[in-house]
């Protein structure tokens, strides 16, 4: 099975297990530590039971042990092993995807001239071998509905589900949601199955005990213990979920298995780890079960997930931005772009607004607002409270369905921008700007936008330190829109680097605010 990898601070690894070989070692104990040579401390009665002074500590430990045992006993019957198979495939080799048969596969590369005139009509096909993978899952309905990760079953030609009692069934009617990395699989003919008890992940706090159950390295029904070590984590490639973080040991093969509280309730679906080598390094991530409930209900009832959307680009209110937009750090989210004909545009949301409430719920971060919005019924009306120029403004928004592929970023243009008829260099900011020409607007996908184009950035300057570079479009200085070099020059006269200069900058990936100091 393919094991997806992506980075966020450390390498984050999805936990499906591809076919592998394992070596085993045996740890030996030093003599005199454990075993027949180890001394035994006797209590006053002459037996080897703990002395009375030690009982309170051992009683507490045994109580915790019984809690772990109870949680495992409750959850284990509902945990399944999922095996996926992908058939061998014949792939025609080409240096370029979709190159016509017989065409020079190096066309458009530095090697094109070297291979011109050669016959590429009969490139030998490449055999992609059969692949097998293993993951975990949990039964969420006694009729035979299994919850797992999308990456455990994605692209598989055959999915087999093995129950805790050893019976094996073919997975059918597989429905997936790539944006949360969740999937449901049906099995038939198994009779009434032991369904897991689903908890409430909103009630979790950092420090709560949990156990992770799954099949790491093909070791079926492995149980490990730990605590919730973080909440609200964001992972780059999974765009629509905030993760629980845990130090319960999870490894390749744990994907799709449950994270369980001490009552035996499933409160998360184990999905990824932070690691530099692909194995557990103390940090794992699970999708909260409340997110999974909402997604799976739609997959089961509709076959896909319907989400509402605002139609804005939003970002965190950082310490540098907070005093510029009139809110406290961590309060609300900053709107950097409003898309035309979107619910936000129709509601009157503007760039530079800080969304602080959606309905009666306070907003503290981008993913939180995203989750609030996407789960409301389509065509329902909601109050949106924003801070605009330091003052509260109340707006009414009507929820609409999220368009397919909305917000997917394109590639950045990398060529040096051409200069317009006017340019201006700001030594204090460390950048030069020029007029946006019609050609540059077309090449860089800036049609319909106004601003000045950054044509040069000085190394080690305030602009460079904030990641500005050639080809970006400066649309605002402070709260003033700038459409020409003259307007940009006037706007920065009243700005101070000591207090911070806020710019609204556009790239091909969208808008974002920066503060230069």
Protein backbone atom coordinates (compact mmCIF):
# COMPACT_ATOMS: atom_id res chain seq x y z
CA UNK A 1 0.00 0.00 0.00
CA UNK A 2 1.18 3.49 -0.67
CA UNK A 3 2.25 5.30 2.47
CA UNK A 4 1.76 9.05 1.96
CA UNK A 5 4.27 11.38 3.55
CA UNK A 6 4.20 15.05 4.13
CA UNK A 7 6.00 17.53 6.35
CA UNK A 8 4.82 19.88 9.03
CA UNK A 9 7.68 20.72 11.39
CA UNK A 10 8.74 17.06 11.21
CA UNK A 11 7.90 14.42 8.62
CA UNK A 12 4.30 13.33 9.07
CA UNK A 13 3.58 9.78 7.92
CA UNK A 14 0.23 8.20 7.18
CA UNK A 15 0.05 4.87 8.89
CA UNK A 16 -0.99 2.29 6.31
CA UNK A 17 1.46 -0.60 6.25
CA UNK A 18 2.96 -1.79 2.97
CA UNK A 19 4.30 -5.31 2.68
CA UNK A 20 7.62 -5.48 4.54
CA UNK A 21 10.03 -7.80 6.29
CA UNK A 22 10.70 -7.49 9.99
CA UNK A 23 13.74 -8.45 12.03
CA UNK A 24 13.34 -9.25 15.69
CA UNK A 25 15.74 -8.97 18.60
CA UNK A 26 15.55 -10.13 22.22
CA UNK A 27 16.35 -7.80 25.09
CA UNK A 28 18.12 -9.63 27.93
CA UNK A 29 17.74 -8.61 31.55
CA UNK A 30 20.82 -8.10 33.78
CA UNK A 31 21.23 -10.79 36.41
CA UNK A 32 19.91 -9.84 39.80
CA UNK A 33 17.32 -7.44 38.37
CA UNK A 34 14.46 -9.74 37.46
CA UNK A 35 14.26 -13.52 37.78
CA UNK A 36 15.33 -16.22 40.19
CA UNK A 37 18.50 -14.39 41.22
CA UNK A 38 16.68 -11.19 42.15
CA UNK A 39 16.25 -10.60 45.90
CA UNK A 40 12.69 -10.58 47.25
CA UNK A 41 11.69 -8.08 49.92
CA UNK A 42 9.48 -9.78 52.54
CA UNK A 43 6.91 -7.97 54.63
CA UNK A 44 6.48 -8.45 58.35
CA UNK A 45 4.32 -11.54 57.86
CA UNK A 46 7.12 -13.24 55.98
CA UNK A 47 5.40 -13.42 52.56
CA UNK A 48 6.22 -11.61 49.34
CA UNK A 49 3.17 -9.38 49.19
CA UNK A 50 3.84 -5.61 49.27
CA UNK A 51 4.35 -4.09 52.69
CA UNK A 52 1.37 -2.09 53.95
CA UNK A 53 3.21 1.21 53.43
CA UNK A 54 3.37 0.45 49.69
CA UNK A 55 -0.28 -0.51 49.26
CA UNK A 56 -1.74 2.95 48.49
CA UNK A 57 0.64 3.39 45.55
CA UNK A 58 0.08 -0.10 44.21
CA UNK A 59 -3.69 0.20 44.65
CA UNK A 60 -3.69 3.35 42.49
CA UNK A 61 -1.56 1.66 39.84
CA UNK A 62 -3.78 -1.40 39.83
CA UNK A 63 -6.87 0.78 39.49
CA UNK A 64 -5.38 2.44 36.42
CA UNK A 65 -4.41 -0.97 35.07
CA UNK A 66 -7.98 -2.17 35.49
CA UNK A 67 -9.22 0.95 33.67
CA UNK A 68 -6.95 0.21 30.71
CA UNK A 69 -8.04 -3.43 30.76
CA UNK A 70 -11.72 -2.43 30.79
CA UNK A 71 -11.28 -0.01 27.89
CA UNK A 72 -9.47 -2.65 25.81
CA UNK A 73 -12.07 -5.33 26.63
CA UNK A 74 -14.89 -3.03 25.50
CA UNK A 75 -13.24 -1.83 22.27
CA UNK A 76 -11.25 -4.82 20.96
CA UNK A 77 -14.18 -6.87 19.57
CA UNK A 78 -15.06 -4.03 17.18
CA UNK A 79 -11.52 -3.54 15.80
CA UNK A 80 -10.80 -5.12 12.40
CA UNK A 81 -7.81 -5.76 10.19
CA UNK A 82 -8.03 -4.37 6.64
CA UNK A 83 -5.93 -5.83 3.84
CA UNK A 84 -5.86 -4.17 0.43
CA UNK A 85 -4.57 -5.49 -2.87
CA UNK A 86 -3.74 -3.60 -6.05
CA UNK A 87 -3.22 -5.66 -9.20
CA UNK A 88 -0.07 -5.51 -11.28
CA UNK A 89 -0.25 -2.84 -13.98
CA UNK A 90 1.51 -2.22 -17.27
CA UNK A 91 2.67 1.39 -17.57
CA UNK A 92 4.11 2.84 -20.76
CA UNK A 93 7.26 4.76 -20.00
CA UNK A 94 7.49 8.41 -20.94
CA UNK A 95 9.56 11.32 -19.72
CA UNK A 96 6.42 13.46 -19.97
CA UNK A 97 2.94 12.41 -18.77
CA UNK A 98 0.48 11.73 -21.61
CA UNK A 99 3.11 12.18 -24.35
CA UNK A 100 1.76 10.84 -27.68
CA UNK A 101 3.19 7.50 -28.80
CA UNK A 102 6.23 7.99 -31.00
CA UNK A 103 6.87 11.55 -29.84
CA UNK A 104 10.23 12.48 -28.34
CA UNK A 105 9.52 12.03 -24.61
CA UNK A 106 12.15 14.67 -23.79
CA UNK A 107 10.37 17.39 -25.80
CA UNK A 108 10.39 20.64 -23.87
CA UNK A 109 13.35 19.60 -21.71
CA UNK A 110 17.07 20.44 -22.04
CA UNK A 111 17.57 16.97 -23.60
CA UNK A 112 15.14 17.47 -26.52
CA UNK A 113 17.78 18.23 -29.18
CA UNK A 114 20.01 15.35 -28.07
CA UNK A 115 17.25 12.76 -28.72
CA UNK A 116 15.69 14.32 -31.84
CA UNK A 117 15.45 11.92 -34.80
CA UNK A 118 15.27 8.77 -32.70
CA UNK A 119 12.34 6.36 -32.87
CA UNK A 120 10.30 6.41 -29.69
CA UNK A 121 7.35 4.52 -31.12
CA UNK A 122 8.05 1.29 -29.26
CA UNK A 123 9.18 2.22 -25.76
CA UNK A 124 9.19 -0.93 -23.64
CA UNK A 125 6.31 -0.89 -21.16
CA UNK A 126 7.10 -0.96 -17.47
CA UNK A 127 5.53 -3.58 -15.19
CA UNK A 128 4.24 -2.15 -11.93
CA UNK A 129 4.07 -5.10 -9.51
CA UNK A 130 1.10 -6.12 -7.42
CA UNK A 131 0.95 -4.24 -4.14
CA UNK A 132 -0.52 -5.30 -0.82
CA UNK A 133 -1.10 -3.24 2.26
CA UNK A 134 -2.51 -3.57 5.73
CA UNK A 135 -4.33 -1.18 8.02
CA UNK A 136 -6.96 -1.13 10.71
CA UNK A 137 -10.60 -0.18 11.06
CA UNK A 138 -13.45 -0.14 13.55
CA UNK A 139 -17.03 -1.40 13.22
CA UNK A 140 -19.43 1.51 13.78
CA UNK A 141 -22.71 -0.23 12.90
CA UNK A 142 -23.77 -3.78 13.78
CA UNK A 143 -25.03 -4.31 10.20
CA UNK A 144 -21.41 -4.32 8.98
CA UNK A 145 -20.23 -0.73 8.41
CA UNK A 146 -16.51 -0.23 9.07
CA UNK A 147 -14.80 3.14 9.52
CA UNK A 148 -11.17 3.52 8.42
CA UNK A 149 -8.81 5.93 6.65
CA UNK A 150 -9.09 6.81 2.99
CA UNK A 151 -5.39 6.08 2.46
CA UNK A 152 -5.89 2.50 3.72
CA UNK A 153 -8.30 1.63 0.89
CA UNK A 154 -7.66 4.27 -1.80
CA UNK A 155 -6.94 2.81 -5.24
CA UNK A 156 -7.27 -0.81 -4.08
CA UNK A 157 -8.70 -3.43 -6.45
CA UNK A 158 -9.67 -5.66 -3.53
CA UNK A 159 -10.30 -4.93 0.15
CA UNK A 160 -10.56 -7.73 2.73
CA UNK A 161 -11.84 -7.15 6.26
CA UNK A 162 -10.84 -9.60 8.99
CA UNK A 163 -12.93 -9.57 12.17
CA UNK A 164 -11.63 -10.04 15.69
CA UNK A 165 -13.00 -13.61 15.65
CA UNK A 166 -10.87 -14.46 12.60
CA UNK A 167 -13.59 -14.44 9.95
CA UNK A 168 -12.74 -12.60 6.73
CA UNK A 169 -15.10 -10.78 4.34
CA UNK A 170 -14.74 -8.82 1.12
CA UNK A 171 -15.19 -5.08 1.56
CA UNK A 172 -17.96 -3.60 -0.61
CA UNK A 173 -19.60 -0.25 -1.37
CA UNK A 174 -16.50 1.72 -0.33
CA UNK A 175 -17.12 5.46 0.11
CA UNK A 176 -14.26 7.87 0.76
CA UNK A 177 -13.62 11.51 1.65
CA UNK A 178 -10.10 12.49 0.65
CA UNK A 179 -10.27 15.89 2.36
CA UNK A 180 -10.55 14.33 5.82
CA UNK A 181 -8.82 11.02 4.92
CA UNK A 182 -11.83 8.99 6.06
CA UNK A 183 -13.62 6.05 4.42
CA UNK A 184 -16.46 3.63 5.15
CA UNK A 185 -16.48 0.01 4.00
CA UNK A 186 -19.47 -2.37 4.09
CA UNK A 187 -19.26 -6.10 4.70
CA UNK A 188 -22.16 -8.48 4.15
CA UNK A 189 -23.09 -11.90 5.48
CA UNK A 190 -21.38 -11.55 8.85
CA UNK A 191 -24.57 -11.37 10.90
CA UNK A 192 -24.92 -8.96 13.81
CA UNK A 193 -21.51 -7.50 14.65
CA UNK A 194 -20.11 -5.84 17.80
CA UNK A 195 -20.25 -2.12 17.04
CA UNK A 196 -17.97 0.28 18.88
CA UNK A 197 -19.31 2.85 21.29
CA UNK A 198 -18.59 6.32 19.88
CA UNK A 199 -17.70 9.03 22.39
CA UNK A 200 -17.63 12.83 22.27
CA UNK A 201 -14.22 14.17 21.25
CA UNK A 202 -15.25 17.71 22.20
CA UNK A 203 -15.11 16.65 25.86
CA UNK A 204 -11.43 15.67 25.68
CA UNK A 205 -8.78 17.67 27.50
CA UNK A 206 -5.00 17.60 27.26
CA UNK A 207 -3.74 15.03 29.73
CA UNK A 208 -6.67 12.61 29.36
CA UNK A 209 -5.65 8.94 29.19
CA UNK A 210 -6.30 7.11 25.90
CA UNK A 211 -5.41 3.80 24.28
CA UNK A 212 -4.65 3.18 20.59
CA UNK A 213 -5.74 -0.15 19.07
CA UNK A 214 -4.70 -1.53 15.70
CA UNK A 215 -2.31 -3.75 13.76
CA UNK A 216 1.14 -2.12 13.77
CA UNK A 217 3.70 -4.09 11.75
CA UNK A 218 1.06 -6.83 11.27
CA UNK A 219 0.86 -7.43 15.04
CA UNK A 220 -2.91 -7.77 15.21
CA UNK A 221 -4.96 -6.19 18.00
CA UNK A 222 -2.08 -4.35 19.61
CA UNK A 223 -3.01 -1.97 22.43
CA UNK A 224 -0.83 0.96 23.52
CA UNK A 225 -1.51 3.64 26.12
CA UNK A 226 -0.80 7.34 26.41
CA UNK A 227 -2.46 10.70 26.86
CA UNK A 228 -3.96 13.43 24.71
CA UNK A 229 -0.90 15.66 24.25
CA UNK A 230 -2.43 18.30 21.98
CA UNK A 231 -5.63 19.40 20.26
CA UNK A 232 -6.52 21.31 17.11
CA UNK A 233 -3.40 20.25 15.19
CA UNK A 234 -3.29 20.92 11.44
CA UNK A 235 -1.59 18.63 8.91
CA UNK A 236 -0.78 20.01 5.48
CA UNK A 237 -2.21 17.47 3.05
CA UNK A 238 -5.44 16.79 4.97
CA UNK A 239 -7.21 20.07 4.40
CA UNK A 240 -10.41 19.73 6.38
CA UNK A 241 -9.68 18.22 9.78
CA UNK A 242 -8.17 19.35 13.05
CA UNK A 243 -6.30 16.51 14.73
CA UNK A 244 -5.94 15.18 18.23
CA UNK A 245 -2.30 14.66 19.18
CA UNK A 246 -1.34 11.70 21.36
CA UNK A 247 1.76 10.01 22.70
CA UNK A 248 0.11 6.58 22.66
CA UNK A 249 2.39 4.50 20.43
CA UNK A 250 1.03 4.16 16.88
CA UNK A 251 2.97 2.85 13.91
CA UNK A 252 2.50 1.78 10.26
CA UNK A 253 -0.51 -0.53 10.22
CA UNK A 254 -2.39 1.47 12.89
CA UNK A 255 -4.12 3.64 10.26
CA UNK A 256 -7.88 3.57 10.62
CA UNK A 257 -7.82 2.00 14.07
CA UNK A 258 -9.55 3.61 17.04
CA UNK A 259 -8.21 5.90 19.74
CA UNK A 260 -10.25 5.02 22.81
CA UNK A 261 -10.93 6.66 26.19
CA UNK A 262 -10.96 4.78 29.49
CA UNK A 263 -14.70 4.14 29.16
CA UNK A 264 -13.98 2.14 26.00
CA UNK A 265 -15.50 4.79 23.74
CA UNK A 266 -13.89 5.65 20.40
CA UNK A 267 -12.84 9.30 20.46
CA UNK A 268 -10.55 9.35 17.41
CA UNK A 269 -9.32 7.51 14.29
CA UNK A 270 -5.53 7.02 14.23
CA UNK A 271 -4.16 8.50 11.01
CA UNK A 272 -0.59 9.82 11.03
CA UNK A 273 2.64 10.20 12.98
CA UNK A 274 5.35 12.84 13.16
CA UNK A 275 8.59 11.02 12.43
CA UNK A 276 11.89 11.31 10.62
CA UNK A 277 12.08 7.57 9.87
CA UNK A 278 8.46 6.47 9.37
CA UNK A 279 8.08 4.87 12.80
CA UNK A 280 6.68 6.18 16.07
CA UNK A 281 8.71 8.96 17.68
CA UNK A 282 6.35 10.07 20.44
CA UNK A 283 3.78 12.07 18.45
CA UNK A 284 0.75 10.61 16.70
CA UNK A 285 -2.39 12.17 15.24
CA UNK A 286 -6.01 11.03 15.25
CA UNK A 287 -9.07 12.48 13.55
CA UNK A 288 -11.60 13.47 16.26
CA UNK A 289 -14.59 11.13 16.30
CA UNK A 290 -17.03 14.06 16.10
CA UNK A 291 -15.52 14.94 12.73
CA UNK A 292 -15.71 11.28 11.70
CA UNK A 293 -19.37 11.05 12.76
CA UNK A 294 -20.35 13.99 10.55
CA UNK A 295 -18.35 12.72 7.56
CA UNK A 296 -19.46 9.09 7.80
CA UNK A 297 -23.14 9.99 8.17
CA UNK A 298 -22.94 11.80 4.83
CA UNK A 299 -20.91 9.04 3.17
CA UNK A 300 -23.44 6.44 4.29
CA UNK A 301 -26.58 8.44 3.46
CA UNK A 302 -25.45 10.45 0.41
CA UNK A 303 -22.35 8.69 -0.91
CA UNK A 304 -20.27 11.87 -0.68
CA UNK A 305 -19.73 14.82 1.66
CA UNK A 306 -21.61 18.10 1.09
CA UNK A 307 -19.95 21.12 2.64
CA UNK A 308 -21.00 24.72 2.92
CA UNK A 309 -18.43 27.47 2.36
CA UNK A 310 -17.79 31.18 2.90
CA UNK A 311 -15.74 31.90 -0.22
CA UNK A 312 -12.81 33.68 1.41
CA UNK A 313 -9.09 33.22 2.01
CA UNK A 314 -8.42 33.50 5.73
CA UNK A 315 -5.38 33.47 7.95
CA UNK A 316 -4.36 33.45 11.57
CA UNK A 317 -4.21 36.77 13.45
CA UNK A 318 -0.53 36.81 14.38
CA UNK A 319 1.06 39.00 17.03
CA UNK A 320 2.29 41.44 14.37
CA UNK A 321 -1.14 41.66 12.75
CA UNK A 322 -3.25 41.84 15.93
CA UNK A 323 -2.59 45.48 16.81
CA UNK A 324 -2.95 46.48 13.14
CA UNK A 325 -6.47 45.05 12.80
CA UNK A 326 -7.75 45.93 16.27
CA UNK A 327 -8.09 42.54 17.98
CA UNK A 328 -6.14 40.40 20.43
CA UNK A 329 -3.77 37.72 19.19
CA UNK A 330 -5.65 34.46 18.61
CA UNK A 331 -9.01 36.24 18.42
CA UNK A 332 -10.80 35.76 15.10
CA UNK A 333 -9.40 35.11 11.62
CA UNK A 334 -8.22 37.68 9.09
CA UNK A 335 -9.87 37.80 5.65
CA UNK A 336 -7.23 38.33 2.97
CA UNK A 337 -9.43 37.70 -0.08
CA UNK A 338 -13.13 37.55 -0.90
CA UNK A 339 -14.04 35.53 -3.98
CA UNK A 340 -16.60 36.94 -6.44
CA UNK A 341 -20.16 35.56 -6.33
CA UNK A 342 -19.42 33.69 -3.09
CA UNK A 343 -21.63 33.69 0.04
CA UNK A 344 -19.11 36.00 1.73
CA UNK A 345 -19.18 38.47 -1.18
CA UNK A 346 -22.99 38.51 -1.15
CA UNK A 347 -22.97 39.07 2.62
CA UNK A 348 -20.66 42.09 2.27
CA UNK A 349 -17.44 40.66 3.74
CA UNK A 350 -14.38 42.75 2.80
CA UNK A 351 -10.65 42.12 2.67
CA UNK A 352 -9.12 43.12 5.99
CA UNK A 353 -12.18 42.11 8.02
CA UNK A 354 -11.55 39.97 11.08
CA UNK A 355 -14.25 37.32 11.59
CA UNK A 356 -14.74 36.94 15.35
CA UNK A 357 -18.09 35.11 15.57
CA UNK A 358 -20.10 32.74 13.39
CA UNK A 359 -23.63 32.55 14.74
CA UNK A 360 -23.19 32.35 18.50
CA UNK A 361 -19.78 30.66 18.32
CA UNK A 362 -16.54 32.57 18.88
CA UNK A 363 -13.82 32.05 16.29
CA UNK A 364 -10.15 31.59 17.23
CA UNK A 365 -8.51 30.08 14.15
CA UNK A 366 -8.93 29.36 10.41
CA UNK A 367 -9.67 25.62 10.67
CA UNK A 368 -12.17 26.26 13.46
CA UNK A 369 -14.16 28.71 11.32
CA UNK A 370 -13.94 26.32 8.38
CA UNK A 371 -15.46 23.52 10.47
CA UNK A 372 -18.21 25.77 11.81
CA UNK A 373 -19.23 26.82 8.32
CA UNK A 374 -18.94 23.57 6.38
CA UNK A 375 -21.28 21.64 8.70
CA UNK A 376 -24.29 23.99 8.60
CA UNK A 377 -27.29 23.06 6.43
CA UNK A 378 -27.14 24.36 2.87
CA UNK A 379 -29.21 27.50 2.17
CA UNK A 380 -29.47 28.29 5.90
CA UNK A 381 -28.87 31.88 7.10
CA UNK A 382 -26.27 32.77 9.75
CA UNK A 383 -24.96 35.88 11.48
CA UNK A 384 -21.32 36.75 10.87
CA UNK A 385 -19.64 39.25 13.21
CA UNK A 386 -16.51 40.97 11.92
CA UNK A 387 -14.19 43.70 13.13
CA UNK A 388 -13.73 46.29 10.37
CA UNK A 389 -11.36 49.22 10.92
CA UNK A 390 -11.54 48.52 14.65
CA UNK A 391 -15.35 48.50 14.85
CA UNK A 392 -17.79 45.55 15.07
CA UNK A 393 -20.01 44.93 12.03
CA UNK A 394 -22.81 42.34 11.86
CA UNK A 395 -23.50 40.60 8.53
CA UNK A 396 -25.95 37.92 7.38
CA UNK A 397 -24.62 35.01 5.32
CA UNK A 398 -26.51 32.31 3.42
CA UNK A 399 -24.69 28.96 3.25
CA UNK A 400 -24.05 27.54 -0.23
CA UNK A 401 -22.42 24.25 -1.35
CA UNK A 402 -18.65 24.20 -1.71
CA UNK A 403 -17.68 24.10 -5.42
CA UNK A 404 -15.49 21.21 -6.50
CA UNK A 405 -11.74 21.98 -6.33
CA UNK A 406 -12.44 25.35 -4.70
CA UNK A 407 -9.30 27.00 -3.36
CA UNK A 408 -6.76 24.63 -4.94
CA UNK A 409 -3.64 26.67 -5.63
CA UNK A 410 -1.84 26.84 -8.95
CA UNK A 411 1.90 26.86 -9.54
CA UNK A 412 3.87 30.03 -9.11
CA UNK A 413 5.33 31.78 -12.15
CA UNK A 414 9.09 31.89 -11.72
CA UNK A 415 10.24 34.26 -14.48
CA UNK A 416 11.56 37.70 -13.59
CA UNK A 417 8.77 40.28 -13.95
CA UNK A 418 9.02 42.85 -16.69
CA UNK A 419 9.10 46.47 -15.59
CA UNK A 420 6.30 48.88 -16.36
CA UNK A 421 6.73 52.48 -17.40
CA UNK A 422 7.14 53.62 -13.77
CA UNK A 423 8.97 52.11 -10.83
CA UNK A 424 9.87 53.09 -7.29
CA UNK A 425 12.43 51.67 -4.87
CA UNK A 426 11.86 51.89 -1.13
CA UNK A 427 15.14 51.57 0.74
CA UNK A 428 13.46 51.35 4.14
CA UNK A 429 11.28 48.40 3.04
CA UNK A 430 13.97 46.85 0.87
CA UNK A 431 11.93 46.42 -2.30
CA UNK A 432 11.23 47.94 -5.69
CA UNK A 433 7.77 48.09 -7.25
CA UNK A 434 6.65 48.73 -10.80
CA UNK A 435 3.37 49.19 -12.66
CA UNK A 436 1.36 46.03 -13.37
CA UNK A 437 1.31 45.61 -17.15
CA UNK A 438 -1.43 43.79 -19.05
CA UNK A 439 1.07 41.10 -20.05
CA UNK A 440 2.21 40.51 -16.45
CA UNK A 441 -1.41 40.38 -15.28
CA UNK A 442 -2.13 37.65 -17.85
CA UNK A 443 1.07 35.65 -17.22
CA UNK A 444 0.72 35.73 -13.43
CA UNK A 445 -3.04 35.27 -13.28
CA UNK A 446 -3.58 38.78 -11.85
CA UNK A 447 -6.36 39.71 -14.26
CA UNK A 448 -9.07 41.60 -12.43
CA UNK A 449 -6.73 42.65 -9.60
CA UNK A 450 -5.10 46.03 -8.99
CA UNK A 451 -1.76 46.76 -7.38
CA UNK A 452 1.93 47.27 -7.98
CA UNK A 453 4.31 44.45 -8.91
CA UNK A 454 7.40 43.72 -6.83
CA UNK A 455 10.32 43.80 -9.27
CA UNK A 456 13.22 43.49 -6.80
CA UNK A 457 13.77 42.50 -3.15
CA UNK A 458 16.99 43.36 -1.34
CA UNK A 459 18.61 40.54 0.66
CA UNK A 460 18.31 40.79 4.47
CA UNK A 461 15.77 43.60 4.15
CA UNK A 462 12.45 43.80 6.05
CA UNK A 463 10.70 42.67 2.85
CA UNK A 464 13.00 39.67 2.42
CA UNK A 465 12.63 38.64 6.06
CA UNK A 466 8.85 38.41 5.61
CA UNK A 467 9.17 36.25 2.50
CA UNK A 468 8.33 38.84 -0.15
CA UNK A 469 9.84 38.18 -3.55
CA UNK A 470 9.81 39.29 -7.16
CA UNK A 471 6.52 38.81 -8.97
CA UNK A 472 4.22 39.35 -5.98
CA UNK A 473 1.48 41.96 -6.23
CA UNK A 474 1.12 44.58 -3.47
CA UNK A 475 -2.57 45.52 -3.30
CA UNK A 476 -2.78 47.53 -0.08
CA UNK A 477 -0.53 49.48 2.27
CA UNK A 478 -2.14 49.63 5.70
CA UNK A 479 -5.82 50.17 4.95
CA UNK A 480 -5.16 52.06 1.69
CA UNK A 481 -5.62 50.28 -1.66
CA UNK A 482 -2.77 51.02 -4.09
CA UNK A 483 -3.29 50.74 -7.85
CA UNK A 484 -0.29 52.69 -9.14
CA UNK A 485 3.33 53.31 -8.20
CA UNK A 486 2.39 56.88 -7.27
CA UNK A 487 -0.28 55.67 -4.84
CA UNK A 488 2.17 53.18 -3.31
CA UNK A 489 4.77 55.93 -2.87
CA UNK A 490 2.26 58.19 -1.11
CA UNK A 491 0.91 55.39 1.06
CA UNK A 492 4.26 54.36 2.60
CA UNK A 493 5.20 57.97 3.50
CA UNK A 494 3.01 57.81 6.57
CA UNK A 495 4.11 54.31 7.59
CA UNK A 496 6.74 53.46 10.20
CA UNK A 497 8.79 50.28 10.33
CA UNK A 498 9.01 50.68 14.10
CA UNK A 499 5.22 50.38 14.36
CA UNK A 500 5.05 47.92 11.47
CA UNK A 501 3.99 48.36 7.85
CA UNK A 502 1.07 46.09 6.93
CA UNK A 503 0.83 45.04 3.27
CA UNK A 504 -1.81 42.98 1.47
CA UNK A 505 0.12 40.87 -1.03
CA UNK A 506 -1.16 38.59 -3.77
CA UNK A 507 0.55 35.56 -5.34
CA UNK A 508 -0.87 32.89 -7.63
CA UNK A 509 -1.80 31.03 -4.46
CA UNK A 510 -4.00 33.88 -3.24
CA UNK A 511 -3.83 36.88 -0.91
CA UNK A 512 -2.13 37.22 2.45
CA UNK A 513 -1.20 40.00 4.89
CA UNK A 514 2.35 40.63 6.09
CA UNK A 515 3.77 43.16 8.53
CA UNK A 516 7.25 44.56 7.81
CA UNK A 517 9.33 45.72 10.78
